[in-house]
Amino acid sequence: MKIKGIAIIAIMLFASAFMGINLDAQVGRNDVITAYNEGAKAMQTDTRAAIDAFEKVITLSDQVGEDAADLRQKAVEVLPGLYCKVAAVAISEKKPAAEIIRASKTAVSASEKYNSAPNKEKARKLLAQGYNAMGADFFSKNDYENAIRAFDSLLVVNPDYLNAYYNKALIYIKQDNADAFEGTIDLYLEKLKSINDTVKIQKASVTALEYFRSAGSKANQANKLDDALALLNKAAKYGNDKDLFYYFADVYNKQKNFDMGAEYAQKGLDLETGAADAKAKFYYQLAVAQVGKGQTAEACASFKNAMYGPFAEASKAQRTNLKCN
């Protein structure tokens, strides 16, 4: 009885194995053609369905073998572009950055799998756009640490995506991280100079100058004169500016370095093209320096020219003290 049962089980296993072999044998070129036609039909209206169909073409072709090799090759040629299209559509439809990144990474992987260098390059550019969108989104939410991470990921994908450097620099301004800002903006400017992008060079230089000038002004107000001077000198790396010269003059005068105070006050005057009230602050600093140097007559004339706006009362008092005519 036991032997009979074992024999029945053996027959069932054999039958199952035979059915499986028979099922595999039923897959032929026509099945591959059907899947291929489904993919071709879906390409214009449903990219994801087309991807599924062409992936099926490859799976079935591998089962069929040489008889379906031509269809497999056609599927291999079209699939990387379809994966890129999914990522590109996600960008055009302004999908969440995480979705764009996910689709782009899939496109990169598909391009590598199917050995398509042009589509891999395209997919990497789409991936960079995804990280850029993610960085911008975090920045808008004041999530600066994650924004930095997103832009760093972007630069790993594409070190020549120059706007990422500028965006990082803006984040460091928000964090008041002077050292990180300086290093990043200098790297950005170096890359811009290598391609001679004069418009962006000017914009970045102004950004850097204004940041360090403002920081220098705050240090000056806090009476941290050495810090103020160091920050103003950093600002001067990025260009000339009349307001920068004013702060230089003020700091040097407070340090009783009247020669430098007078020099920078005059530099500011030389750049100021406005009316007398706009020039008042420079004349005031020039007058302070002249007093310090013992040039009373010159100081009286400069204080007279400074008698406008917020400098009017102080200039009048100085003229009285100096017994100016």
Protein backbone atom coordinates (compact mmCIF):
# COMPACT_ATOMS: atom_id res chain seq x y z
CA MET A 1 0.00 0.00 0.00
CA LYS A 2 2.82 2.36 0.84
CA ILE A 3 4.61 1.51 -2.37
CA LYS A 4 1.49 2.26 -4.36
CA GLY A 5 1.16 5.70 -2.69
CA ILE A 6 4.75 6.57 -3.42
CA ALA A 7 4.26 5.62 -7.05
CA ILE A 8 1.23 7.88 -7.34
CA ILE A 9 3.16 10.82 -5.88
CA ALA A 10 6.02 10.22 -8.28
CA ILE A 11 3.63 10.20 -11.23
CA MET A 12 2.08 13.50 -10.06
CA LEU A 13 5.47 15.15 -9.70
CA PHE A 14 6.48 13.99 -13.15
CA ALA A 15 3.24 15.29 -14.60
CA SER A 16 3.75 18.67 -12.93
CA ALA A 17 7.28 18.92 -14.24
CA PHE A 18 6.11 17.97 -17.70
CA MET A 19 3.37 20.62 -17.62
CA GLY A 20 5.92 23.24 -16.58
CA ILE A 21 8.22 22.32 -19.42
CA ASN A 22 5.30 22.36 -21.77
CA LEU A 23 4.24 25.81 -20.52
CA ASP A 24 7.70 27.25 -21.16
CA ALA A 25 7.76 25.68 -24.55
CA GLN A 26 4.57 27.49 -25.44
CA VAL A 27 6.35 30.89 -25.28
CA GLY A 28 7.36 31.81 -28.80
CA ARG A 29 8.18 34.73 -31.08
CA ASN A 30 4.50 35.59 -31.49
CA ASP A 31 4.23 36.27 -27.75
CA VAL A 32 7.20 38.61 -28.01
CA ILE A 33 5.65 40.35 -31.00
CA THR A 34 2.39 40.83 -29.09
CA ALA A 35 4.22 42.42 -26.15
CA TYR A 36 6.28 44.58 -28.50
CA ASN A 37 3.18 45.85 -30.29
CA GLU A 38 1.58 46.69 -26.96
CA GLY A 39 4.61 48.75 -26.06
CA ALA A 40 4.70 50.51 -29.43
CA LYS A 41 1.01 51.37 -29.13
CA ALA A 42 1.36 52.70 -25.58
CA MET A 43 4.42 54.87 -26.27
CA GLN A 44 2.45 57.96 -27.27
CA THR A 45 -0.21 57.82 -24.56
CA ASP A 46 1.05 55.86 -21.56
CA THR A 47 4.79 55.83 -21.04
CA ARG A 48 4.72 53.61 -17.98
CA ALA A 49 2.57 51.02 -19.76
CA ALA A 50 5.03 51.12 -22.66
CA ILE A 51 7.90 50.50 -20.25
CA ASP A 52 6.13 47.50 -18.75
CA ALA A 53 5.44 46.08 -22.21
CA PHE A 54 9.02 46.50 -23.44
CA GLU A 55 10.42 45.04 -20.22
CA LYS A 56 8.12 42.08 -20.89
CA VAL A 57 9.56 41.86 -24.42
CA ILE A 58 13.02 41.43 -22.92
CA THR A 59 11.87 38.82 -20.41
CA LEU A 60 10.06 36.78 -23.09
CA SER A 61 12.89 37.19 -25.58
CA ASP A 62 15.33 35.73 -23.08
CA GLN A 63 13.06 32.67 -22.88
CA VAL A 64 12.61 32.37 -26.63
CA GLY A 65 16.26 32.88 -27.46
CA GLU A 66 17.82 33.76 -30.80
CA ASP A 67 14.50 33.73 -32.65
CA ALA A 68 13.42 36.88 -30.78
CA ALA A 69 16.83 38.57 -30.47
CA ASP A 70 15.90 41.34 -32.94
CA LEU A 71 12.84 42.32 -30.90
CA ARG A 72 14.85 42.26 -27.71
CA GLN A 73 17.40 44.64 -29.21
CA LYS A 74 14.66 47.04 -30.29
CA ALA A 75 13.26 47.04 -26.77
CA VAL A 76 16.71 47.64 -25.33
CA GLU A 77 17.15 50.64 -27.62
CA VAL A 78 13.85 52.28 -26.67
CA LEU A 79 13.60 51.59 -22.92
CA PRO A 80 16.25 54.06 -21.57
CA GLY A 81 14.59 56.92 -23.43
CA LEU A 82 11.20 55.99 -21.99
CA TYR A 83 12.58 55.98 -18.45
CA CYS A 84 14.06 59.43 -19.12
CA LYS A 85 10.70 60.60 -20.42
CA VAL A 86 9.02 59.63 -17.14
CA ALA A 87 11.54 61.76 -15.22
CA ALA A 88 11.23 64.67 -17.65
CA VAL A 89 7.44 64.64 -17.38
CA ALA A 90 7.72 64.66 -13.59
CA ILE A 91 9.78 67.85 -13.87
CA SER A 92 7.44 69.52 -16.39
CA GLU A 93 4.43 68.67 -14.24
CA LYS A 94 6.23 70.07 -11.17
CA LYS A 95 5.96 66.84 -9.24
CA PRO A 96 7.51 66.67 -5.75
CA ALA A 97 11.29 66.71 -5.86
CA ALA A 98 11.51 63.25 -4.27
CA GLU A 99 9.44 61.81 -7.12
CA ILE A 100 11.63 63.51 -9.73
CA ILE A 101 14.77 62.18 -8.07
CA ARG A 102 13.36 58.67 -7.84
CA ALA A 103 12.33 58.65 -11.51
CA SER A 104 15.69 60.08 -12.57
CA LYS A 105 17.66 57.50 -10.59
CA THR A 106 15.59 54.76 -12.23
CA ALA A 107 16.40 56.28 -15.62
CA VAL A 108 20.11 56.33 -14.78
CA SER A 109 19.98 52.67 -13.73
CA ALA A 110 18.08 51.68 -16.87
CA SER A 111 20.56 53.53 -19.06
CA GLU A 112 23.43 51.72 -17.39
CA LYS A 113 21.66 48.35 -17.59
CA TYR A 114 20.95 48.75 -21.30
CA ASN A 115 24.27 50.48 -22.06
CA SER A 116 22.87 53.78 -23.35
CA ALA A 117 25.45 56.51 -22.69
CA PRO A 118 23.40 59.38 -24.23
CA ASN A 119 20.36 58.55 -22.10
CA LYS A 120 22.51 58.12 -19.01
CA GLU A 121 23.81 61.65 -19.51
CA LYS A 122 20.27 62.92 -20.02
CA ALA A 123 19.09 61.08 -16.91
CA ARG A 124 21.91 62.56 -14.82
CA LYS A 125 20.89 66.05 -15.92
CA LEU A 126 17.31 65.30 -14.91
CA LEU A 127 18.56 63.98 -11.57
CA ALA A 128 20.49 67.21 -11.03
CA GLN A 129 17.30 69.18 -11.69
CA GLY A 130 15.52 67.05 -9.13
CA TYR A 131 18.12 67.77 -6.45
CA ASN A 132 18.01 71.46 -7.38
CA ALA A 133 14.23 71.48 -6.90
CA MET A 134 14.65 69.70 -3.56
CA GLY A 135 17.28 72.20 -2.41
CA ALA A 136 15.08 75.14 -3.41
CA ASP A 137 12.11 73.61 -1.61
CA PHE A 138 14.06 73.14 1.62
CA PHE A 139 15.47 76.67 1.29
CA SER A 140 11.97 78.15 0.96
CA LYS A 141 11.05 76.37 4.21
CA ASN A 142 14.16 77.71 5.99
CA ASP A 143 15.44 74.14 6.34
CA TYR A 144 18.98 75.13 5.53
CA GLU A 145 20.77 71.95 6.59
CA ASN A 146 18.70 69.76 4.28
CA ALA A 147 18.97 72.35 1.54
CA ILE A 148 22.77 72.14 1.76
CA ARG A 149 22.59 68.34 1.60
CA ALA A 150 20.41 68.51 -1.51
CA PHE A 151 22.76 70.91 -3.28
CA ASP A 152 25.77 68.81 -2.28
CA SER A 153 24.05 65.74 -3.77
CA LEU A 154 23.44 67.74 -6.93
CA LEU A 155 27.14 68.63 -7.17
CA VAL A 156 28.10 64.97 -6.81
CA VAL A 157 25.93 64.25 -9.85
CA ASN A 158 27.11 67.32 -11.76
CA PRO A 159 30.05 69.34 -10.38
CA ASP A 160 29.54 71.91 -13.14
CA TYR A 161 26.00 72.85 -12.05
CA LEU A 162 27.20 76.31 -11.06
CA ASN A 163 23.96 77.67 -9.61
CA ALA A 164 24.25 75.11 -6.82
CA TYR A 165 27.37 76.89 -5.54
CA TYR A 166 25.59 80.23 -5.55
CA ASN A 167 22.54 78.75 -3.81
CA LYS A 168 24.79 77.27 -1.12
CA ALA A 169 26.42 80.68 -0.67
CA LEU A 170 23.00 82.27 -0.13
CA ILE A 171 22.23 79.67 2.53
CA TYR A 172 25.49 80.47 4.33
CA ILE A 173 24.44 84.13 4.33
CA LYS A 174 21.19 83.12 6.04
CA GLN A 175 23.20 81.11 8.58
CA ASP A 176 25.69 83.99 8.96
CA ASN A 177 28.48 81.49 8.33
CA ALA A 178 31.11 83.86 7.01
CA ASP A 179 33.87 81.29 6.48
CA ALA A 180 31.67 78.85 4.58
CA PHE A 181 30.20 81.69 2.54
CA GLU A 182 33.61 83.03 1.57
CA GLY A 183 34.92 79.62 0.51
CA THR A 184 31.82 78.83 -1.51
CA ILE A 185 31.46 82.20 -3.25
CA ASP A 186 35.19 82.19 -4.11
CA LEU A 187 34.87 78.74 -5.67
CA TYR A 188 31.80 79.89 -7.58
CA LEU A 189 33.62 82.98 -8.87
CA GLU A 190 36.62 80.89 -9.90
CA LYS A 191 34.39 78.61 -11.98
CA LEU A 192 32.59 81.59 -13.52
CA LYS A 193 35.89 83.18 -14.50
CA SER A 194 36.95 79.97 -16.25
CA ILE A 195 33.96 80.37 -18.59
CA ASN A 196 34.11 84.20 -18.63
CA ASP A 197 30.51 84.67 -17.46
CA THR A 198 30.85 88.38 -16.69
CA VAL A 199 27.17 88.91 -15.80
CA LYS A 200 27.16 86.26 -13.07
CA ILE A 201 30.62 87.31 -11.90
CA GLN A 202 29.30 90.83 -11.32
CA LYS A 203 26.21 89.58 -9.49
CA ALA A 204 28.18 87.23 -7.23
CA SER A 205 30.81 89.88 -6.50
CA VAL A 206 28.15 92.37 -5.45
CA THR A 207 26.53 89.73 -3.22
CA ALA A 208 29.85 89.02 -1.50
CA LEU A 209 30.78 92.67 -1.15
CA GLU A 210 27.41 93.55 0.37
CA TYR A 211 27.51 90.64 2.79
CA PHE A 212 30.96 91.44 4.19
CA ARG A 213 30.30 95.19 4.13
CA SER A 214 27.16 94.66 6.22
CA ALA A 215 29.01 92.35 8.60
CA GLY A 216 31.77 94.93 8.93
CA SER A 217 29.25 97.66 9.67
CA LYS A 218 27.66 95.57 12.43
CA ALA A 219 31.05 94.90 14.00
CA ASN A 220 31.80 98.62 13.82
CA GLN A 221 28.55 99.45 15.59
CA ALA A 222 29.47 96.94 18.28
CA ASN A 223 32.83 98.74 18.59
CA LYS A 224 34.70 95.58 17.52
CA LEU A 225 37.02 97.61 15.37
CA ASP A 226 39.59 94.96 14.49
CA ASP A 227 36.83 92.54 13.45
CA ALA A 228 35.17 95.30 11.48
CA LEU A 229 38.36 96.07 9.61
CA ALA A 230 38.96 92.40 8.79
CA LEU A 231 35.42 92.04 7.41
CA LEU A 232 35.67 95.25 5.39
CA ASN A 233 38.93 94.05 3.88
CA LYS A 234 37.17 90.86 2.84
CA ALA A 235 34.46 92.94 1.22
CA ALA A 236 37.11 94.89 -0.68
CA LYS A 237 38.24 91.65 -2.40
CA TYR A 238 35.07 91.80 -4.46
CA GLY A 239 35.17 95.38 -5.71
CA ASN A 240 35.00 99.08 -4.87
CA ASP A 241 31.97 100.65 -3.24
CA LYS A 242 31.40 104.12 -1.85
CA ASP A 243 29.57 102.88 1.24
CA LEU A 244 32.39 100.43 1.91
CA PHE A 245 34.82 103.34 1.79
CA TYR A 246 32.63 105.24 4.28
CA TYR A 247 32.81 102.39 6.79
CA PHE A 248 36.55 102.11 6.29
CA ALA A 249 36.89 105.82 7.06
CA ASP A 250 34.73 105.55 10.16
CA VAL A 251 36.65 102.57 11.57
CA TYR A 252 40.06 104.08 10.85
CA ASN A 253 39.02 107.37 12.45
CA LYS A 254 37.84 105.51 15.56
CA GLN A 255 41.23 103.79 15.65
CA LYS A 256 42.82 107.23 15.36
CA ASN A 257 44.46 106.22 12.09
CA PHE A 258 43.55 109.57 10.59
CA ASP A 259 45.67 109.28 7.47
CA MET A 260 43.73 106.19 6.40
CA GLY A 261 40.47 107.77 7.56
CA ALA A 262 41.07 110.77 5.31
CA GLU A 263 42.13 108.55 2.41
CA TYR A 264 38.98 106.42 2.47
CA ALA A 265 36.68 109.41 3.05
CA GLN A 266 38.15 110.99 -0.08
CA LYS A 267 37.74 107.72 -2.02
CA GLY A 268 34.08 107.70 -1.07
CA LEU A 269 33.68 111.32 -2.16
CA ASP A 270 35.29 110.52 -5.50
CA LEU A 271 32.70 107.79 -6.14
CA GLU A 272 29.68 109.72 -4.86
CA THR A 273 27.95 111.45 -7.77
CA GLY A 274 24.87 112.56 -5.84
CA ALA A 275 23.91 115.98 -4.48
CA ALA A 276 25.43 117.72 -1.46
CA ASP A 277 23.31 115.81 1.07
CA ALA A 278 24.57 112.49 -0.35
CA LYS A 279 28.16 113.65 0.05
CA ALA A 280 27.65 114.85 3.64
CA LYS A 281 28.68 111.62 5.36
CA PHE A 282 31.97 111.48 3.47
CA TYR A 283 32.75 115.11 4.25
CA TYR A 284 32.00 114.40 7.92
CA GLN A 285 34.50 111.54 8.07
CA LEU A 286 37.03 113.60 6.15
CA ALA A 287 36.59 116.45 8.64
CA VAL A 288 37.05 114.08 11.63
CA ALA A 289 40.30 112.86 10.08
CA GLN A 290 41.44 116.41 9.38
CA VAL A 291 40.81 117.40 13.00
CA GLY A 292 42.88 114.43 14.12
CA LYS A 293 45.69 115.51 11.82
CA GLY A 294 45.56 119.09 13.14
CA GLN A 295 44.23 120.54 9.87
CA THR A 296 41.72 122.92 11.43
CA ALA A 297 40.98 125.11 8.42
CA GLU A 298 40.40 122.13 6.19
CA ALA A 299 38.21 120.51 8.85
CA CYS A 300 36.06 123.65 9.13
CA ALA A 301 35.43 123.56 5.38
CA SER A 302 34.64 119.85 5.41
CA PHE A 303 32.23 120.14 8.36
CA LYS A 304 30.46 122.94 6.49
CA ASN A 305 29.98 120.62 3.54
CA ALA A 306 28.68 117.94 5.93
CA MET A 307 25.85 120.07 7.33
CA TYR A 308 23.01 118.03 5.83
CA GLY A 309 20.57 115.48 7.15
CA PRO A 310 21.74 113.39 10.13
CA PHE A 311 25.17 115.05 10.06
CA ALA A 312 23.89 118.63 10.31
CA GLU A 313 23.79 119.03 14.11
CA ALA A 314 27.06 117.22 14.77
CA SER A 315 28.83 119.24 12.05
CA LYS A 316 27.48 122.49 13.45
CA ALA A 317 28.69 121.58 16.94
CA GLN A 318 32.13 120.66 15.60
CA ARG A 319 32.41 123.97 13.78
CA THR A 320 31.55 125.77 17.01
CA ASN A 321 34.19 123.83 18.93
CA LEU A 322 36.76 124.59 16.27
CA LYS A 323 35.72 128.25 16.22
CA CYS A 324 35.23 128.13 12.48
CA ASN A 325 34.25 131.34 10.69
